[in-house]
N, C-alpha and C. Protein backbone atom coordinates (compact mmCIF):
# COMPACT_ATOMS: atom_id res chain seq x y z
N MET A 1 -2.35 2.67 2.91
CA MET A 1 -1.73 3.25 4.08
C MET A 1 -2.64 3.05 5.28
N ARG A 2 -2.06 2.72 6.39
CA ARG A 2 -2.80 2.45 7.62
C ARG A 2 -3.11 3.74 8.35
N ALA A 3 -4.30 3.82 8.90
CA ALA A 3 -4.68 4.99 9.68
C ALA A 3 -3.84 5.06 10.96
N LEU A 4 -3.51 6.26 11.36
CA LEU A 4 -2.77 6.44 12.60
C LEU A 4 -3.67 6.23 13.80
N TYR A 5 -3.06 5.90 14.91
CA TYR A 5 -3.75 5.74 16.18
C TYR A 5 -4.79 4.63 16.14
N THR A 6 -4.32 3.45 15.80
CA THR A 6 -5.16 2.27 15.86
C THR A 6 -5.54 1.96 17.30
N PHE A 7 -4.58 2.18 18.19
CA PHE A 7 -4.76 1.88 19.61
C PHE A 7 -4.93 3.16 20.41
N ALA A 8 -5.46 3.02 21.60
CA ALA A 8 -5.51 4.12 22.55
C ALA A 8 -5.30 3.54 23.94
N LEU A 9 -4.79 4.36 24.81
CA LEU A 9 -4.58 3.97 26.20
C LEU A 9 -5.74 4.52 27.01
N GLN A 10 -6.45 3.66 27.71
CA GLN A 10 -7.55 4.08 28.55
C GLN A 10 -7.12 3.94 30.00
N THR A 11 -7.16 5.04 30.72
CA THR A 11 -6.76 5.05 32.13
C THR A 11 -7.95 5.41 32.99
N LYS A 12 -8.20 4.59 33.98
CA LYS A 12 -9.26 4.88 34.95
C LYS A 12 -8.59 4.99 36.31
N ARG A 13 -8.73 6.14 36.91
CA ARG A 13 -8.16 6.37 38.23
C ARG A 13 -8.91 5.56 39.27
N GLY A 14 -8.18 5.18 40.32
CA GLY A 14 -8.83 4.48 41.42
C GLY A 14 -9.81 5.41 42.13
N LYS A 15 -10.83 4.83 42.73
CA LYS A 15 -11.83 5.64 43.42
C LYS A 15 -11.29 6.26 44.70
N GLU A 16 -10.35 5.60 45.29
CA GLU A 16 -9.70 6.09 46.51
C GLU A 16 -8.26 6.41 46.19
N ASP A 17 -7.64 7.27 46.97
CA ASP A 17 -6.25 7.66 46.72
C ASP A 17 -5.28 6.48 46.74
N HIS A 18 -5.58 5.48 47.54
CA HIS A 18 -4.66 4.35 47.68
C HIS A 18 -4.85 3.30 46.57
N GLU A 19 -5.88 3.43 45.77
CA GLU A 19 -6.12 2.47 44.70
C GLU A 19 -5.31 2.84 43.46
N PRO A 20 -4.67 1.85 42.86
CA PRO A 20 -3.90 2.14 41.65
C PRO A 20 -4.82 2.39 40.45
N PRO A 21 -4.30 3.07 39.43
CA PRO A 21 -5.11 3.24 38.23
C PRO A 21 -5.27 1.91 37.51
N ARG A 22 -6.27 1.84 36.68
CA ARG A 22 -6.46 0.67 35.82
C ARG A 22 -6.27 1.16 34.40
N VAL A 23 -5.30 0.56 33.73
CA VAL A 23 -4.92 1.00 32.39
C VAL A 23 -5.09 -0.16 31.42
N SER A 24 -5.68 0.13 30.26
CA SER A 24 -5.84 -0.90 29.24
C SER A 24 -5.63 -0.30 27.86
N VAL A 25 -5.30 -1.16 26.91
CA VAL A 25 -5.16 -0.78 25.51
C VAL A 25 -6.49 -1.08 24.84
N VAL A 26 -7.05 -0.08 24.17
CA VAL A 26 -8.34 -0.24 23.51
C VAL A 26 -8.21 0.09 22.02
N LEU A 27 -9.19 -0.33 21.27
CA LEU A 27 -9.29 -0.04 19.84
C LEU A 27 -10.45 0.93 19.67
N PRO A 28 -10.18 2.24 19.74
CA PRO A 28 -11.26 3.21 19.81
C PRO A 28 -12.14 3.31 18.56
N ALA A 29 -11.58 3.06 17.40
CA ALA A 29 -12.36 3.21 16.17
C ALA A 29 -12.58 1.86 15.49
N ALA A 30 -12.49 0.80 16.26
CA ALA A 30 -12.57 -0.53 15.68
C ALA A 30 -14.00 -0.94 15.41
N GLY A 31 -14.17 -1.57 14.30
CA GLY A 31 -15.45 -2.14 13.94
C GLY A 31 -15.20 -3.17 12.87
N PRO A 32 -15.96 -4.22 12.84
CA PRO A 32 -15.73 -5.26 11.84
C PRO A 32 -16.02 -4.74 10.43
N ASP A 33 -15.31 -5.31 9.47
CA ASP A 33 -15.56 -4.95 8.08
C ASP A 33 -16.77 -5.71 7.55
N GLY A 34 -16.99 -5.64 6.25
CA GLY A 34 -18.13 -6.30 5.64
C GLY A 34 -18.14 -7.81 5.81
N GLU A 35 -16.97 -8.38 6.08
CA GLU A 35 -16.86 -9.83 6.30
C GLU A 35 -16.97 -10.20 7.78
N GLY A 36 -17.15 -9.18 8.62
CA GLY A 36 -17.23 -9.43 10.06
C GLY A 36 -15.87 -9.56 10.73
N VAL A 37 -14.81 -9.13 10.04
CA VAL A 37 -13.45 -9.27 10.55
C VAL A 37 -12.98 -7.92 11.10
N LEU A 38 -12.36 -7.95 12.26
CA LEU A 38 -11.77 -6.76 12.85
C LEU A 38 -10.30 -6.72 12.43
N ARG A 39 -9.94 -5.78 11.57
CA ARG A 39 -8.57 -5.71 11.04
C ARG A 39 -7.78 -4.61 11.73
N LEU A 40 -6.56 -4.93 12.11
CA LEU A 40 -5.65 -3.94 12.68
C LEU A 40 -4.73 -3.34 11.63
N THR A 41 -4.70 -3.94 10.47
CA THR A 41 -3.90 -3.43 9.35
C THR A 41 -4.75 -3.52 8.09
N PRO A 42 -4.34 -2.81 7.06
CA PRO A 42 -5.02 -3.02 5.77
C PRO A 42 -4.68 -4.41 5.25
N GLN A 43 -5.37 -4.85 4.25
CA GLN A 43 -5.04 -6.12 3.62
C GLN A 43 -3.82 -5.89 2.72
N CYS A 44 -2.68 -6.29 3.19
CA CYS A 44 -1.40 -6.03 2.51
C CYS A 44 -1.19 -7.02 1.37
N MET A 45 -0.58 -6.52 0.30
CA MET A 45 -0.34 -7.35 -0.87
C MET A 45 1.12 -7.80 -0.98
N THR A 46 2.00 -7.23 -0.14
CA THR A 46 3.40 -7.63 -0.16
C THR A 46 3.90 -7.78 1.27
N LEU A 47 4.98 -8.50 1.41
CA LEU A 47 5.60 -8.66 2.72
C LEU A 47 6.07 -7.31 3.25
N ASP A 48 6.61 -6.47 2.37
CA ASP A 48 7.05 -5.14 2.81
C ASP A 48 5.91 -4.32 3.38
N GLU A 49 4.75 -4.36 2.73
CA GLU A 49 3.58 -3.64 3.24
C GLU A 49 3.18 -4.17 4.62
N LEU A 50 3.15 -5.49 4.75
CA LEU A 50 2.76 -6.08 6.02
C LEU A 50 3.76 -5.75 7.12
N GLU A 51 5.04 -5.85 6.81
CA GLU A 51 6.06 -5.52 7.81
C GLU A 51 5.97 -4.05 8.22
N GLY A 52 5.69 -3.17 7.26
CA GLY A 52 5.52 -1.75 7.59
C GLY A 52 4.33 -1.53 8.51
N ALA A 53 3.23 -2.22 8.23
CA ALA A 53 2.04 -2.09 9.07
C ALA A 53 2.30 -2.63 10.48
N ILE A 54 2.98 -3.76 10.57
CA ILE A 54 3.31 -4.33 11.88
C ILE A 54 4.25 -3.41 12.65
N ASN A 55 5.24 -2.85 11.95
CA ASN A 55 6.16 -1.92 12.60
C ASN A 55 5.44 -0.68 13.13
N ALA A 56 4.48 -0.18 12.36
CA ALA A 56 3.71 0.98 12.80
C ALA A 56 2.88 0.65 14.04
N LEU A 57 2.28 -0.54 14.06
CA LEU A 57 1.54 -0.97 15.25
C LEU A 57 2.46 -1.06 16.45
N GLN A 58 3.64 -1.61 16.25
CA GLN A 58 4.60 -1.73 17.35
C GLN A 58 5.03 -0.36 17.86
N ASP A 59 5.22 0.59 16.94
CA ASP A 59 5.58 1.95 17.35
C ASP A 59 4.49 2.55 18.24
N GLU A 60 3.23 2.36 17.86
CA GLU A 60 2.12 2.86 18.68
C GLU A 60 2.12 2.21 20.05
N LEU A 61 2.34 0.90 20.09
CA LEU A 61 2.36 0.19 21.37
C LEU A 61 3.52 0.66 22.24
N ASP A 62 4.67 0.93 21.63
CA ASP A 62 5.82 1.43 22.39
C ASP A 62 5.52 2.78 23.02
N LEU A 63 4.85 3.66 22.27
CA LEU A 63 4.48 4.96 22.83
C LEU A 63 3.50 4.81 23.97
N MET A 64 2.55 3.91 23.82
CA MET A 64 1.58 3.68 24.89
C MET A 64 2.23 3.08 26.12
N ARG A 65 3.23 2.24 25.92
CA ARG A 65 3.94 1.66 27.07
C ARG A 65 4.59 2.78 27.89
N ALA A 66 5.20 3.74 27.20
CA ALA A 66 5.83 4.87 27.90
C ALA A 66 4.78 5.70 28.63
N ASP A 67 3.63 5.94 27.99
CA ASP A 67 2.55 6.68 28.64
C ASP A 67 2.03 5.94 29.87
N ALA A 68 1.90 4.63 29.76
CA ALA A 68 1.42 3.83 30.88
C ALA A 68 2.41 3.86 32.04
N ARG A 69 3.69 3.81 31.73
CA ARG A 69 4.70 3.90 32.80
C ARG A 69 4.55 5.21 33.56
N ARG A 70 4.33 6.29 32.81
CA ARG A 70 4.14 7.59 33.47
C ARG A 70 2.88 7.58 34.33
N ALA A 71 1.81 7.00 33.82
CA ALA A 71 0.56 6.96 34.59
C ALA A 71 0.75 6.20 35.90
N PHE A 72 1.43 5.07 35.85
CA PHE A 72 1.64 4.29 37.06
C PHE A 72 2.64 4.98 37.99
N THR A 73 3.63 5.65 37.43
CA THR A 73 4.61 6.35 38.27
C THR A 73 3.96 7.50 38.99
N VAL A 74 3.14 8.28 38.29
CA VAL A 74 2.44 9.41 38.91
C VAL A 74 1.52 8.91 40.01
N SER A 75 0.79 7.83 39.76
CA SER A 75 -0.15 7.33 40.76
C SER A 75 0.56 6.79 41.99
N ALA A 76 1.80 6.35 41.81
CA ALA A 76 2.56 5.83 42.95
C ALA A 76 3.28 6.95 43.70
N GLY A 77 3.19 8.18 43.17
CA GLY A 77 3.82 9.32 43.85
C GLY A 77 5.30 9.44 43.60
N HIS A 78 5.78 8.86 42.51
CA HIS A 78 7.22 8.88 42.22
C HIS A 78 7.58 9.91 41.16
N ALA A 79 6.64 10.66 40.66
CA ALA A 79 6.95 11.62 39.58
C ALA A 79 7.28 12.98 40.15
């Protein structure tokens, strides 16, 4: 089973009010394994396992996209 929250959204506010925020997707707990490989999923043994892991990653990215939209909307004064 894959750990939750593989990704995180990092938001840095502009130094001045007129500067937009800078938002990026980061891997907060990422570190290479014993082989020096950075894995976003476990080593899956079946296509179903891999598809489930990919779907979970996509779900996380979709949530972050919504959070990023809110961050940019708030900074633009539209919220």
